[in-house]
PDB file of N, CA and C in Angstrom:
ATOM      1  N   MET A   1      91.963 103.083  77.137  1.00  0.00           N
ATOM      2  CA  MET A   1      92.886 104.183  78.564  1.00  0.00           C
ATOM      3  C   MET A   1      92.551 104.039  79.138  1.00  0.00           C
ATOM      4  N   LYS A   2      90.620 104.357  80.016  1.00  0.00           N
ATOM      5  CA  LYS A   2      91.173 104.033  81.293  1.00  0.00           C
ATOM      6  C   LYS A   2      91.099 102.878  82.225  1.00  0.00           C
ATOM      7  N   GLY A   3      91.442 101.231  81.452  1.00  0.00           N
ATOM      8  CA  GLY A   3      92.064 100.794  82.596  1.00  0.00           C
ATOM      9  C   GLY A   3      93.907 101.020  82.972  1.00  0.00           C
ATOM     10  N   TYR A   4      94.338 101.650  82.157  1.00  0.00           N
ATOM     11  CA  TYR A   4      95.398 102.469  82.023  1.00  0.00           C
ATOM     12  C   TYR A   4      95.912 103.084  83.000  1.00  0.00           C
ATOM     13  N   ASN A   5      94.548 104.025  82.831  1.00  0.00           N
ATOM     14  CA  ASN A   5      94.774 105.400  84.322  1.00  0.00           C
ATOM     15  C   ASN A   5      94.379 104.700  85.658  1.00  0.00           C
ATOM     16  N   ARG A   6      93.873 103.800  85.440  1.00  0.00           N
ATOM     17  CA  ARG A   6      92.774 103.649  87.431  1.00  0.00           C
ATOM     18  C   ARG A   6      93.940 102.198  87.142  1.00  0.00           C
ATOM     19  N   GLU A   7      95.266 101.294  86.243  1.00  0.00           N
ATOM     20  CA  GLU A   7      96.058 101.388  87.222  1.00  0.00           C
ATOM     21  C   GLU A   7      97.552 102.313  87.512  1.00  0.00           C
ATOM     22  N   ILE A   8      97.194 103.345  86.632  1.00  0.00           N
ATOM     23  CA  ILE A   8      98.024 104.063  87.770  1.00  0.00           C
ATOM     24  C   ILE A   8      97.329 104.621  89.264  1.00  0.00           C
ATOM     25  N   GLY A   9      96.136 105.022  88.983  1.00  0.00           N
ATOM     26  CA  GLY A   9      95.971 105.806  90.680  1.00  0.00           C
ATOM     27  C   GLY A   9      95.678 105.256  91.211  1.00  0.00           C
ATOM     28  N   ILE A  10      96.190 103.196  91.226  1.00  0.00           N
ATOM     29  CA  ILE A  10      95.966 102.201  92.537  1.00  0.00           C
ATOM     30  C   ILE A  10      97.497 102.104  91.935  1.00  0.00           C
ATOM     31  N   GLN A  11      98.763 102.310  91.099  1.00  0.00           N
ATOM     32  CA  GLN A  11      99.701 102.658  91.497  1.00  0.00           C
ATOM     33  C   GLN A  11     100.379 103.887  92.843  1.00  0.00           C
ATOM     34  N   GLY A  12      99.634 104.876  92.203  1.00  0.00           N
ATOM     35  CA  GLY A  12     100.444 106.052  93.050  1.00  0.00           C
ATOM     36  C   GLY A  12      99.579 106.417  94.826  1.00  0.00           C
ATOM     37  N   GLU A  13      97.844 105.389  94.857  1.00  0.00           N
ATOM     38  CA  GLU A  13      97.591 105.518  96.087  1.00  0.00           C
ATOM     39  C   GLU A  13      98.325 104.253  96.903  1.00  0.00           C
ATOM     40  N   ASN A  14      99.048 102.852  96.423  1.00  0.00           N
ATOM     41  CA  ASN A  14      99.866 102.547  96.772  1.00  0.00           C
ATOM     42  C   ASN A  14     101.099 103.456  97.526  1.00  0.00           C
ATOM     43  N   ALA A  15     101.450 103.954  96.913  1.00  0.00           N
ATOM     44  CA  ALA A  15     102.670 104.630  97.011  1.00  0.00           C
ATOM     45  C   ALA A  15     102.585 105.441  98.711  1.00  0.00           C
ATOM     46  N   ALA A  16     101.446 106.303  97.664  1.00  0.00           N
ATOM     47  CA  ALA A  16     101.436 107.843  99.058  1.00  0.00           C
ATOM     48  C   ALA A  16     100.669 106.777 100.654  1.00  0.00           C
ATOM     49  N   ILE A  17      99.773 105.612 100.499  1.00  0.00           N
ATOM     50  CA  ILE A  17     100.079 104.686 102.005  1.00  0.00           C
ATOM     51  C   ILE A  17     101.750 104.533 101.852  1.00  0.00           C
ATOM     52  N   ARG A  18     102.227 103.632 101.750  1.00  0.00           N
ATOM     53  CA  ARG A  18     103.603 103.958 101.960  1.00  0.00           C
ATOM     54  C   ARG A  18     104.249 105.058 102.610  1.00  0.00           C
ATOM     55  N   TYR A  19     103.826 105.925 101.952  1.00  0.00           N
ATOM     56  CA  TYR A  19     104.832 107.387 102.299  1.00  0.00           C
ATOM     57  C   TYR A  19     103.781 107.964 103.983  1.00  0.00           C
ATOM     58  N   LEU A  20     102.215 107.777 103.966  1.00  0.00           N
ATOM     59  CA  LEU A  20     102.303 108.561 104.597  1.00  0.00           C
ATOM     60  C   LEU A  20     102.172 107.475 105.835  1.00  0.00           C
ATOM     61  N   VAL A  21     102.990 105.643 105.959  1.00  0.00           N
ATOM     62  CA  VAL A  21     102.834 105.316 106.692  1.00  0.00           C
ATOM     63  C   VAL A  21     104.815 104.894 107.417  1.00  0.00           C
ATOM     64  N   ASN A  22     105.520 105.476 106.613  1.00  0.00           N
ATOM     65  CA  ASN A  22     106.666 105.392 106.613  1.00  0.00           C
ATOM     66  C   ASN A  22     107.213 107.061 107.811  1.00  0.00           C
ATOM     67  N   GLN A  23     105.945 108.154 107.101  1.00  0.00           N
ATOM     68  CA  GLN A  23     106.539 109.361 107.742  1.00  0.00           C
ATOM     69  C   GLN A  23     105.281 109.082 109.365  1.00  0.00           C
ATOM     70  N   GLY A  24     104.744 108.119 109.618  1.00  0.00           N
ATOM     71  CA  GLY A  24     104.161 107.923 110.570  1.00  0.00           C
ATOM     72  C   GLY A  24     102.712 108.144 110.833  1.00  0.00           C
ATOM     73  N   TYR A  25     102.227 108.309 110.136  1.00  0.00           N
ATOM     74  CA  TYR A  25     100.559 108.368 109.860  1.00  0.00           C
ATOM     75  C   TYR A  25      99.894 107.613 110.635  1.00  0.00           C
ATOM     76  N   VAL A  26      98.849 107.001 110.832  1.00  0.00           N
ATOM     77  CA  VAL A  26      98.515 105.521 110.954  1.00  0.00           C
ATOM     78  C   VAL A  26      96.232 105.403 109.685  1.00  0.00           C
ATOM     79  N   VAL A  27      96.622 104.620 108.284  1.00  0.00           N
ATOM     80  CA  VAL A  27      95.729 104.222 107.607  1.00  0.00           C
ATOM     81  C   VAL A  27      94.323 104.583 108.193  1.00  0.00           C
ATOM     82  N   ILE A  28      93.938 104.515 107.811  1.00  0.00           N
ATOM     83  CA  ILE A  28      92.067 104.132 108.921  1.00  0.00           C
ATOM     84  C   ILE A  28      91.107 104.039 107.849  1.00  0.00           C
ATOM     85  N   GLU A  29      91.243 104.579 106.320  1.00  0.00           N
ATOM     86  CA  GLU A  29      90.294 104.441 105.874  1.00  0.00           C
ATOM     87  C   GLU A  29      90.637 103.872 104.475  1.00  0.00           C
ATOM     88  N   ARG A  30      90.221 103.214 102.888  1.00  0.00           N
ATOM     89  CA  ARG A  30      90.999 103.298 101.794  1.00  0.00           C
ATOM     90  C   ARG A  30      89.427 104.264 101.002  1.00  0.00           C
ATOM     91  N   ASN A  31      89.601 104.938  99.990  1.00  0.00           N
ATOM     92  CA  ASN A  31      88.443 105.071  99.132  1.00  0.00           C
ATOM     93  C   ASN A  31      87.247 104.256  99.439  1.00  0.00           C
ATOM     94  N   TYR A  32      86.986 105.901 100.454  1.00  0.00           N
ATOM     95  CA  TYR A  32      86.200 105.986 101.471  1.00  0.00           C
ATOM     96  C   TYR A  32      85.047 106.264 100.838  1.00  0.00           C
ATOM     97  N   ARG A  33      83.486 105.964 100.176  1.00  0.00           N
ATOM     98  CA  ARG A  33      82.753 106.360  99.031  1.00  0.00           C
ATOM     99  C   ARG A  33      81.353 106.863  99.990  1.00  0.00           C
ATOM    100  N   SER A  34      80.811 108.217  99.300  1.00  0.00           N
ATOM    101  CA  SER A  34      79.534 108.392 100.557  1.00  0.00           C
ATOM    102  C   SER A  34      78.993 109.084  98.706  1.00  0.00           C
ATOM    103  N   ARG A  35      77.490 109.179  98.792  1.00  0.00           N
ATOM    104  CA  ARG A  35      76.770 110.201  97.994  1.00  0.00           C
ATOM    105  C   ARG A  35      77.370 111.036  97.068  1.00  0.00           C
ATOM    106  N   TYR A  36      78.593 112.002  98.040  1.00  0.00           N
ATOM    107  CA  TYR A  36      78.856 113.126  97.470  1.00  0.00           C
ATOM    108  C   TYR A  36      80.628 113.453  97.088  1.00  0.00           C
ATOM    109  N   GLY A  37      80.825 111.714  96.870  1.00  0.00           N
ATOM    110  CA  GLY A  37      82.387 111.432  96.608  1.00  0.00           C
ATOM    111  C   GLY A  37      83.514 110.600  96.556  1.00  0.00           C
ATOM    112  N   GLU A  38      84.337 110.872  96.836  1.00  0.00           N
ATOM    113  CA  GLU A  38      85.082 109.651  97.249  1.00  0.00           C
ATOM    114  C   GLU A  38      85.873 110.184  97.737  1.00  0.00           C
ATOM    115  N   ILE A  39      86.800 109.800  98.965  1.00  0.00           N
ATOM    116  CA  ILE A  39      88.582 110.025  99.572  1.00  0.00           C
ATOM    117  C   ILE A  39      88.839 108.713  99.424  1.00  0.00           C
ATOM    118  N   ASP A  40      90.648 109.255  98.846  1.00  0.00           N
ATOM    119  CA  ASP A  40      91.046 108.312  98.745  1.00  0.00           C
ATOM    120  C   ASP A  40      91.831 107.417  99.922  1.00  0.00           C
ATOM    121  N   ILE A  41      92.425 108.448 100.880  1.00  0.00           N
ATOM    122  CA  ILE A  41      92.580 107.851 102.184  1.00  0.00           C
ATOM    123  C   ILE A  41      92.323 108.693 103.291  1.00  0.00           C
ATOM    124  N   ILE A  42      92.007 108.500 104.057  1.00  0.00           N
ATOM    125  CA  ILE A  42      91.354 108.640 105.354  1.00  0.00           C
ATOM    126  C   ILE A  42      92.453 108.418 106.506  1.00  0.00           C
ATOM    127  N   ALA A  43      93.680 109.159 107.011  1.00  0.00           N
ATOM    128  CA  ALA A  43      94.449 108.489 108.599  1.00  0.00           C
ATOM    129  C   ALA A  43      94.371 109.566 109.238  1.00  0.00           C
ATOM    130  N   LYS A  44      95.409 108.348 110.264  1.00  0.00           N
ATOM    131  CA  LYS A  44      95.721 109.707 111.127  1.00  0.00           C
ATOM    132  C   LYS A  44      97.163 109.990 111.943  1.00  0.00           C
ATOM    133  N   ASP A  45      96.942 111.384 112.343  1.00  0.00           N
ATOM    134  CA  ASP A  45      98.124 112.155 112.461  1.00  0.00           C
ATOM    135  C   ASP A  45      98.345 112.962 113.359  1.00  0.00           C
ATOM    136  N   ASN A  46      98.721 111.611 114.754  1.00  0.00           N
ATOM    137  CA  ASN A  46      98.201 112.445 116.343  1.00  0.00           C
ATOM    138  C   ASN A  46      96.855 112.082 116.725  1.00  0.00           C
ATOM    139  N   ASN A  47      96.564 113.445 116.898  1.00  0.00           N
ATOM    140  CA  ASN A  47      94.819 112.956 117.059  1.00  0.00           C
ATOM    141  C   ASN A  47      94.265 114.200 116.404  1.00  0.00           C
ATOM    142  N   MET A  48      94.944 114.298 114.639  1.00  0.00           N
ATOM    143  CA  MET A  48      94.572 115.324 113.546  1.00  0.00           C
ATOM    144  C   MET A  48      93.160 114.387 112.389  1.00  0.00           C
ATOM    145  N   ILE A  49      92.551 114.126 111.990  1.00  0.00           N
ATOM    146  CA  ILE A  49      91.968 113.151 111.021  1.00  0.00           C
ATOM    147  C   ILE A  49      92.636 113.455 109.928  1.00  0.00           C
ATOM    148  N   VAL A  50      92.920 113.100 109.035  1.00  0.00           N
ATOM    149  CA  VAL A  50      93.424 114.190 107.253  1.00  0.00           C
ATOM    150  C   VAL A  50      92.876 112.856 106.896  1.00  0.00           C
ATOM    151  N   PHE A  51      92.344 113.991 105.530  1.00  0.00           N
ATOM    152  CA  PHE A  51      91.556 113.448 104.870  1.00  0.00           C
ATOM    153  C   PHE A  51      92.248 113.847 103.355  1.00  0.00           C
ATOM    154  N   VAL A  52      93.173 112.388 103.072  1.00  0.00           N
ATOM    155  CA  VAL A  52      93.912 112.856 101.534  1.00  0.00           C
ATOM    156  C   VAL A  52      93.008 112.616  99.845  1.00  0.00           C
ATOM    157  N   GLU A  53      93.474 113.296  99.485  1.00  0.00           N
ATOM    158  CA  GLU A  53      93.544 113.218  98.279  1.00  0.00           C
ATOM    159  C   GLU A  53      94.961 112.997  96.984  1.00  0.00           C
ATOM    160  N   VAL A  54      94.666 111.575  96.837  1.00  0.00           N
ATOM    161  CA  VAL A  54      95.006 111.403  95.978  1.00  0.00           C
ATOM    162  C   VAL A  54      95.618 111.579  94.267  1.00  0.00           C
ATOM    163  N   LYS A  55      96.770 112.742  93.618  1.00  0.00           N
ATOM    164  CA  LYS A  55      96.731 112.888  92.112  1.00  0.00           C
ATOM    165  C   LYS A  55      98.149 111.763  91.859  1.00  0.00           C
ATOM    166  N   THR A  56      97.941 111.634  90.657  1.00  0.00           N
ATOM    167  CA  THR A  56      98.952 110.705  90.027  1.00  0.00           C
ATOM    168  C   THR A  56      99.504 110.576  88.244  1.00  0.00           C
ATOM    169  N   ARG A  57     100.617 110.676  88.109  1.00  0.00           N
ATOM    170  CA  ARG A  57     100.651 110.860  86.757  1.00  0.00           C
ATOM    171  C   ARG A  57     101.982 109.924  86.004  1.00  0.00           C
ATOM    172  N   SER A  58     101.952 109.711  84.827  1.00  0.00           N
ATOM    173  CA  SER A  58     103.271 109.086  84.869  1.00  0.00           C
ATOM    174  C   SER A  58     103.735 109.690  84.493  1.00  0.00           C
ATOM    175  N   ASN A  59     103.598 111.184  84.203  1.00  0.00           N
ATOM    176  CA  ASN A  59     105.014 112.742  83.419  1.00  0.00           C
ATOM    177  C   ASN A  59     104.044 113.731  83.904  1.00  0.00           C
ATOM    178  N   LEU A  60     104.369 114.883  84.070  1.00  0.00           N
ATOM    179  CA  LEU A  60     104.139 116.257  84.104  1.00  0.00           C
ATOM    180  C   LEU A  60     103.871 117.163  82.374  1.00  0.00           C
ATOM    181  N   ALA A  61     103.711 116.187  81.911  1.00  0.00           N
ATOM    182  CA  ALA A  61     103.221 117.303  80.234  1.00  0.00           C
ATOM    183  C   ALA A  61     101.782 117.776  80.096  1.00  0.00           C
ATOM    184  N   TYR A  62     100.681 117.545  81.148  1.00  0.00           N
ATOM    185  CA  TYR A  62     100.235 117.992  81.693  1.00  0.00           C
ATOM    186  C   TYR A  62      99.869 119.303  83.183  1.00  0.00           C
ATOM    187  N   GLY A  63     101.079 118.937  83.720  1.00  0.00           N
ATOM    188  CA  GLY A  63     101.091 120.636  84.066  1.00  0.00           C
ATOM    189  C   GLY A  63     101.003 119.384  85.452  1.00  0.00           C
ATOM    190  N   ARG A  64     101.372 119.660  87.134  1.00  0.00           N
ATOM    191  CA  ARG A  64     101.760 118.930  88.199  1.00  0.00           C
ATOM    192  C   ARG A  64     100.459 118.442  88.792  1.00  0.00           C
ATOM    193  N   PRO A  65     100.433 117.641  89.246  1.00  0.00           N
ATOM    194  CA  PRO A  65      99.131 116.350  89.264  1.00  0.00           C
ATOM    195  C   PRO A  65      97.951 116.865  90.329  1.00  0.00           C
ATOM    196  N   ALA A  66      98.684 118.045  91.328  1.00  0.00           N
ATOM    197  CA  ALA A  66      97.345 118.587  92.093  1.00  0.00           C
ATOM    198  C   ALA A  66      96.691 119.882  91.145  1.00  0.00           C
ATOM    199  N   GLU A  67      97.245 119.619  90.309  1.00  0.00           N
ATOM    200  CA  GLU A  67      96.127 121.381  89.659  1.00  0.00           C
ATOM    201  C   GLU A  67      95.214 120.359  88.980  1.00  0.00           C
ATOM    202  N   ALA A  68      95.233 119.219  89.322  1.00  0.00           N
ATOM    203  CA  ALA A  68      93.930 118.858  89.141  1.00  0.00           C
ATOM    204  C   ALA A  68      92.379 118.717  90.063  1.00  0.00           C
ATOM    205  N   ILE A  69      92.895 119.176  90.818  1.00  0.00           N
ATOM    206  CA  ILE A  69      92.114 119.275  92.471  1.00  0.00           C
ATOM    207  C   ILE A  69      91.176 120.605  92.136  1.00  0.00           C
ATOM    208  N   ASP A  70      90.333 121.052  91.718  1.00  0.00           N
ATOM    209  CA  ASP A  70      89.491 122.527  91.775  1.00  0.00           C
ATOM    210  C   ASP A  70      88.576 122.536  92.058  1.00  0.00           C
ATOM    211  N   TYR A  71      87.845 123.675  92.499  1.00  0.00           N
ATOM    212  CA  TYR A  71      86.611 123.769  93.209  1.00  0.00           C
ATOM    213  C   TYR A  71      85.155 123.039  93.528  1.00  0.00           C
ATOM    214  N   ARG A  72      85.515 122.718  91.867  1.00  0.00           N
ATOM    215  CA  ARG A  72      84.588 121.424  92.407  1.00  0.00           C
ATOM    216  C   ARG A  72      84.935 120.320  93.316  1.00  0.00           C
ATOM    217  N   LYS A  73      86.073 119.924  92.745  1.00  0.00           N
ATOM    218  CA  LYS A  73      86.291 118.666  93.983  1.00  0.00           C
ATOM    219  C   LYS A  73      86.346 118.847  94.942  1.00  0.00           C
ATOM    220  N   THR A  74      87.085 120.184  95.888  1.00  0.00           N
ATOM    221  CA  THR A  74      87.247 120.563  96.769  1.00  0.00           C
ATOM    222  C   THR A  74      86.040 120.062  97.639  1.00  0.00           C
ATOM    223  N   ARG A  75      84.706 121.023  96.873  1.00  0.00           N
ATOM    224  CA  ARG A  75      83.522 120.892  97.436  1.00  0.00           C
ATOM    225  C   ARG A  75      83.151 119.652  98.117  1.00  0.00           C
ATOM    226  N   HIS A  76      83.618 118.221  97.285  1.00  0.00           N
ATOM    227  CA  HIS A  76      82.976 116.824  97.029  1.00  0.00           C
ATOM    228  C   HIS A  76      83.808 116.248  98.271  1.00  0.00           C
ATOM    229  N   LEU A  77      84.381 117.268  98.520  1.00  0.00           N
ATOM    230  CA  LEU A  77      85.669 116.712  99.637  1.00  0.00           C
ATOM    231  C   LEU A  77      85.101 116.721 101.337  1.00  0.00           C
ATOM    232  N   ARG A  78      85.188 118.193 101.139  1.00  0.00           N
ATOM    233  CA  ARG A  78      84.412 118.666 102.277  1.00  0.00           C
ATOM    234  C   ARG A  78      82.570 118.300 102.714  1.00  0.00           C
ATOM    235  N   TYR A  79      82.033 118.154 101.495  1.00  0.00           N
ATOM    236  CA  TYR A  79      80.701 117.158 101.579  1.00  0.00           C
ATOM    237  C   TYR A  79      81.083 116.056 102.565  1.00  0.00           C
ATOM    238  N   THR A  80      82.170 114.996 101.677  1.00  0.00           N
ATOM    239  CA  THR A  80      82.146 114.124 101.956  1.00  0.00           C
ATOM    240  C   THR A  80      82.901 114.078 103.118  1.00  0.00           C
ATOM    241  N   ALA A  81      84.079 114.571 103.934  1.00  0.00           N
ATOM    242  CA  ALA A  81      84.442 114.259 105.183  1.00  0.00           C
ATOM    243  C   ALA A  81      83.949 114.674 106.196  1.00  0.00           C
ATOM    244  N   GLN A  82      82.716 115.753 105.629  1.00  0.00           N
ATOM    245  CA  GLN A  82      81.513 115.498 106.867  1.00  0.00           C
ATOM    246  C   GLN A  82      80.658 114.689 107.206  1.00  0.00           C
ATOM    247  N   GLN A  83      81.075 114.170 105.860  1.00  0.00           N
ATOM    248  CA  GLN A  83      79.364 112.538 106.370  1.00  0.00           C
ATOM    249  C   GLN A  83      80.495 111.583 107.215  1.00  0.00           C
ATOM    250  N   TYR A  84      81.676 111.710 106.593  1.00  0.00           N
ATOM    251  CA  TYR A  84      82.168 110.239 107.280  1.00  0.00           C
ATOM    252  C   TYR A  84      82.393 111.401 109.551  1.00  0.00           C
ATOM    253  N   ILE A  85      82.702 111.939 108.932  1.00  0.00           N
ATOM    254  CA  ILE A  85      82.934 112.547 110.905  1.00  0.00           C
ATOM    255  C   ILE A  85      81.433 112.646 110.962  1.00  0.00           C
ATOM    256  N   GLN A  86      80.141 112.486 110.905  1.00  0.00           N
ATOM    257  CA  GLN A  86      78.976 112.618 111.129  1.00  0.00           C
ATOM    258  C   GLN A  86      78.848 111.290 111.563  1.00  0.00           C
ATOM    259  N   TRP A  87      79.317 109.667 110.393  1.00  0.00           N
ATOM    260  CA  TRP A  87      79.059 108.469 110.910  1.00  0.00           C
ATOM    261  C   TRP A  87      79.921 107.970 111.946  1.00  0.00           C
ATOM    262  N   LYS A  88      80.965 108.817 111.913  1.00  0.00           N
ATOM    263  CA  LYS A  88      81.615 108.225 112.758  1.00  0.00           C
ATOM    264  C   LYS A  88      82.169 108.823 114.416  1.00  0.00           C
ATOM    265  N   GLY A  89      81.194 109.990 114.158  1.00  0.00           N
ATOM    266  CA  GLY A  89      80.988 110.361 115.586  1.00  0.00           C
ATOM    267  C   GLY A  89      82.151 111.337 116.441  1.00  0.00           C
ATOM    268  N   LEU A  90      83.059 111.345 115.330  1.00  0.00           N
ATOM    269  CA  LEU A  90      84.301 111.856 115.796  1.00  0.00           C
ATOM    270  C   LEU A  90      84.834 113.595 115.359  1.00  0.00           C
ATOM    271  N   TYR A  91      83.373 114.547 116.687  1.00  0.00           N
ATOM    272  CA  TYR A  91      83.196 115.467 116.713  1.00  0.00           C
ATOM    273  C   TYR A  91      84.592 116.447 117.728  1.00  0.00           C
ATOM    274  N   ASP A  92      85.245 115.669 118.783  1.00  0.00           N
ATOM    275  CA  ASP A  92      86.424 115.614 119.042  1.00  0.00           C
ATOM    276  C   ASP A  92      87.579 116.271 118.562  1.00  0.00           C
ATOM    277  N   CYS A  93      87.397 115.515 118.141  1.00  0.00           N
ATOM    278  CA  CYS A  93      89.721 115.424 116.532  1.00  0.00           C
ATOM    279  C   CYS A  93      88.655 116.756 115.670  1.00  0.00           C
ATOM    280  N   GLY A  94      90.060 117.147 115.743  1.00  0.00           N
ATOM    281  CA  GLY A  94      91.002 118.028 114.660  1.00  0.00           C
ATOM    282  C   GLY A  94      90.403 117.607 112.963  1.00  0.00           C
ATOM    283  N   CYS A  95      90.602 117.837 112.155  1.00  0.00           N
ATOM    284  CA  CYS A  95      90.994 117.368 110.473  1.00  0.00           C
ATOM    285  C   CYS A  95      91.651 118.613 109.940  1.00  0.00           C
ATOM    286  N   ARG A  96      91.791 117.648 108.610  1.00  0.00           N
ATOM    287  CA  ARG A  96      92.383 118.804 107.913  1.00  0.00           C
ATOM    288  C   ARG A  96      92.715 117.820 106.303  1.00  0.00           C
ATOM    289  N   PHE A  97      93.215 118.705 105.512  1.00  0.00           N
ATOM    290  CA  PHE A  97      92.639 117.806 104.105  1.00  0.00           C
ATOM    291  C   PHE A  97      93.834 118.485 103.102  1.00  0.00           C
ATOM    292  N   ASP A  98      94.855 117.276 103.156  1.00  0.00           N
ATOM    293  CA  ASP A  98      96.305 117.604 102.173  1.00  0.00           C
ATOM    294  C   ASP A  98      96.170 116.745 100.622  1.00  0.00           C
ATOM    295  N   ALA A  99      96.942 116.781 100.208  1.00  0.00           N
ATOM    296  CA  ALA A  99      97.140 116.230  98.237  1.00  0.00           C
ATOM    297  C   ALA A  99      98.402 115.638  98.799  1.00  0.00           C
ATOM    298  N   ILE A 100      98.109 114.536  97.893  1.00  0.00           N
ATOM    299  CA  ILE A 100      99.600 114.347  97.363  1.00  0.00           C
ATOM    300  C   ILE A 100      99.740 113.548  96.330  1.00  0.00           C
ATOM    301  N   GLU A 101     101.240 114.571  95.398  1.00  0.00           N
ATOM    302  CA  GLU A 101     101.196 114.243  94.216  1.00  0.00           C
ATOM    303  C   GLU A 101     102.030 113.177  94.189  1.00  0.00           C
ATOM    304  N   VAL A 102     102.084 112.321  93.366  1.00  0.00           N
ATOM    305  CA  VAL A 102     102.522 110.954  92.443  1.00  0.00           C
ATOM    306  C   VAL A 102     102.571 111.188  91.276  1.00  0.00           C
ATOM    307  N   VAL A 103     104.495 111.406  90.778  1.00  0.00           N
ATOM    308  CA  VAL A 103     104.549 111.147  89.555  1.00  0.00           C
ATOM    309  C   VAL A 103     105.412 109.891  89.416  1.00  0.00           C
ATOM    310  N   ILE A 104     105.046 108.761  88.984  1.00  0.00           N
ATOM    311  CA  ILE A 104     104.818 107.528  88.555  1.00  0.00           C
ATOM    312  C   ILE A 104     106.475 107.265  87.662  1.00  0.00           C
ATOM    313  N   GLY A 105     107.096 106.863  88.221  1.00  0.00           N
ATOM    314  CA  GLY A 105     108.784 106.681  87.568  1.00  0.00           C
ATOM    315  C   GLY A 105     108.821 105.881  86.966  1.00  0.00           C
ATOM    316  N   SER A 106     109.673 105.477  85.949  1.00  0.00           N
ATOM    317  CA  SER A 106     110.015 104.618  84.628  1.00  0.00           C
ATOM    318  C   SER A 106     110.665 102.851  85.733  1.00  0.00           C
ATOM    319  N   LEU A 107     110.741 102.121  84.986  1.00  0.00           N
ATOM    320  CA  LEU A 107     111.631 100.840  85.873  1.00  0.00           C
ATOM    321  C   LEU A 107     112.750 101.100  86.239  1.00  0.00           C
ATOM    322  N   ASN A 108     113.238 102.363  86.283  1.00  0.00           N
ATOM    323  CA  ASN A 108     114.471 102.267  86.636  1.00  0.00           C
ATOM    324  C   ASN A 108     114.765 103.517  87.354  1.00  0.00           C
ATOM    325  N   THR A 109     113.747 104.250  87.970  1.00  0.00           N
ATOM    326  CA  THR A 109     113.347 105.058  88.633  1.00  0.00           C
ATOM    327  C   THR A 109     112.116 105.359  89.712  1.00  0.00           C
ATOM    328  N   ARG A 110     112.274 106.202  91.194  1.00  0.00           N
ATOM    329  CA  ARG A 110     111.811 105.843  91.916  1.00  0.00           C
ATOM    330  C   ARG A 110     110.250 106.803  92.165  1.00  0.00           C
ATOM    331  N   SER A 111     109.255 106.795  92.429  1.00  0.00           N
ATOM    332  CA  SER A 111     108.106 107.640  92.262  1.00  0.00           C
ATOM    333  C   SER A 111     108.846 108.798  92.707  1.00  0.00           C
ATOM    334  N   LYS A 112     108.528 109.711  92.271  1.00  0.00           N
ATOM    335  CA  LYS A 112     108.136 110.825  93.402  1.00  0.00           C
ATOM    336  C   LYS A 112     107.181 111.217  94.001  1.00  0.00           C
ATOM    337  N   ILE A 113     107.195 111.801  95.394  1.00  0.00           N
ATOM    338  CA  ILE A 113     106.280 111.929  96.000  1.00  0.00           C
ATOM    339  C   ILE A 113     106.303 113.307  95.985  1.00  0.00           C
ATOM    340  N   ASN A 114     105.330 114.359  96.437  1.00  0.00           N
ATOM    341  CA  ASN A 114     104.858 115.730  96.874  1.00  0.00           C
ATOM    342  C   ASN A 114     103.966 116.050  97.772  1.00  0.00           C
ATOM    343  N   HIS A 115     104.250 116.125  99.221  1.00  0.00           N
ATOM    344  CA  HIS A 115     103.104 116.089 100.196  1.00  0.00           C
ATOM    345  C   HIS A 115     102.789 117.534 100.744  1.00  0.00           C
ATOM    346  N   ILE A 116     101.256 117.832  99.787  1.00  0.00           N
ATOM    347  CA  ILE A 116     100.737 119.239 100.556  1.00  0.00           C
ATOM    348  C   ILE A 116      99.289 119.231 101.211  1.00  0.00           C
ATOM    349  N   ARG A 117      99.917 120.112 102.310  1.00  0.00           N
ATOM    350  CA  ARG A 117      99.127 120.165 103.560  1.00  0.00           C
ATOM    351  C   ARG A 117      98.204 121.073 103.196  1.00  0.00           C
ATOM    352  N   ASN A 118      97.087 121.094 104.048  1.00  0.00           N
ATOM    353  CA  ASN A 118      95.989 121.769 104.261  1.00  0.00           C
ATOM    354  C   ASN A 118      95.277 122.110 102.487  1.00  0.00           C
ATOM    355  N   ILE A 119      95.392 121.713 101.949  1.00  0.00           N
ATOM    356  CA  ILE A 119      94.747 122.309 100.915  1.00  0.00           C
ATOM    357  C   ILE A 119      93.511 122.720 101.283  1.00  0.00           C
ATOM    358  N   ILE A 120      93.263 122.670 101.547  1.00  0.00           N
ATOM    359  CA  ILE A 120      91.372 123.304 101.962  1.00  0.00           C
ATOM    360  C   ILE A 120      91.560 123.895 103.341  1.00  0.00           C
ATOM    361  N   GLU A 121      91.352 125.572 103.139  1.00  0.00           N
ATOM    362  CA  GLU A 121      91.217 126.394 104.678  1.00  0.00           C
ATOM    363  C   GLU A 121      89.745 126.527 104.709  1.00  0.00           C
TER     364      GLU A 121
END
């Protein structure tokens, strides 16, 4: 089961990257890891650094994908982003946290993508 879930996650991240690039974002990191956690995608939107959490599902039986982003996950995202900003010296850039929900389509349908901006205030 874990292998299947990982494959779904990779498909979702690939779909999210295609979506972001089509929207004019520049992807600068993928699967950035620190001791605090992982950020799926780090992209640039004009002068803004965007930390993106991708949540992928094969269906909505257990709710919307972004509902899985709880307080604990947002705390890990913040710490990981702070570490990334320090590591890269990006003190002059603005940043935000986005989520991208991906619901993988069947063979005959396309995946559905929902981009949620500013998930952490």
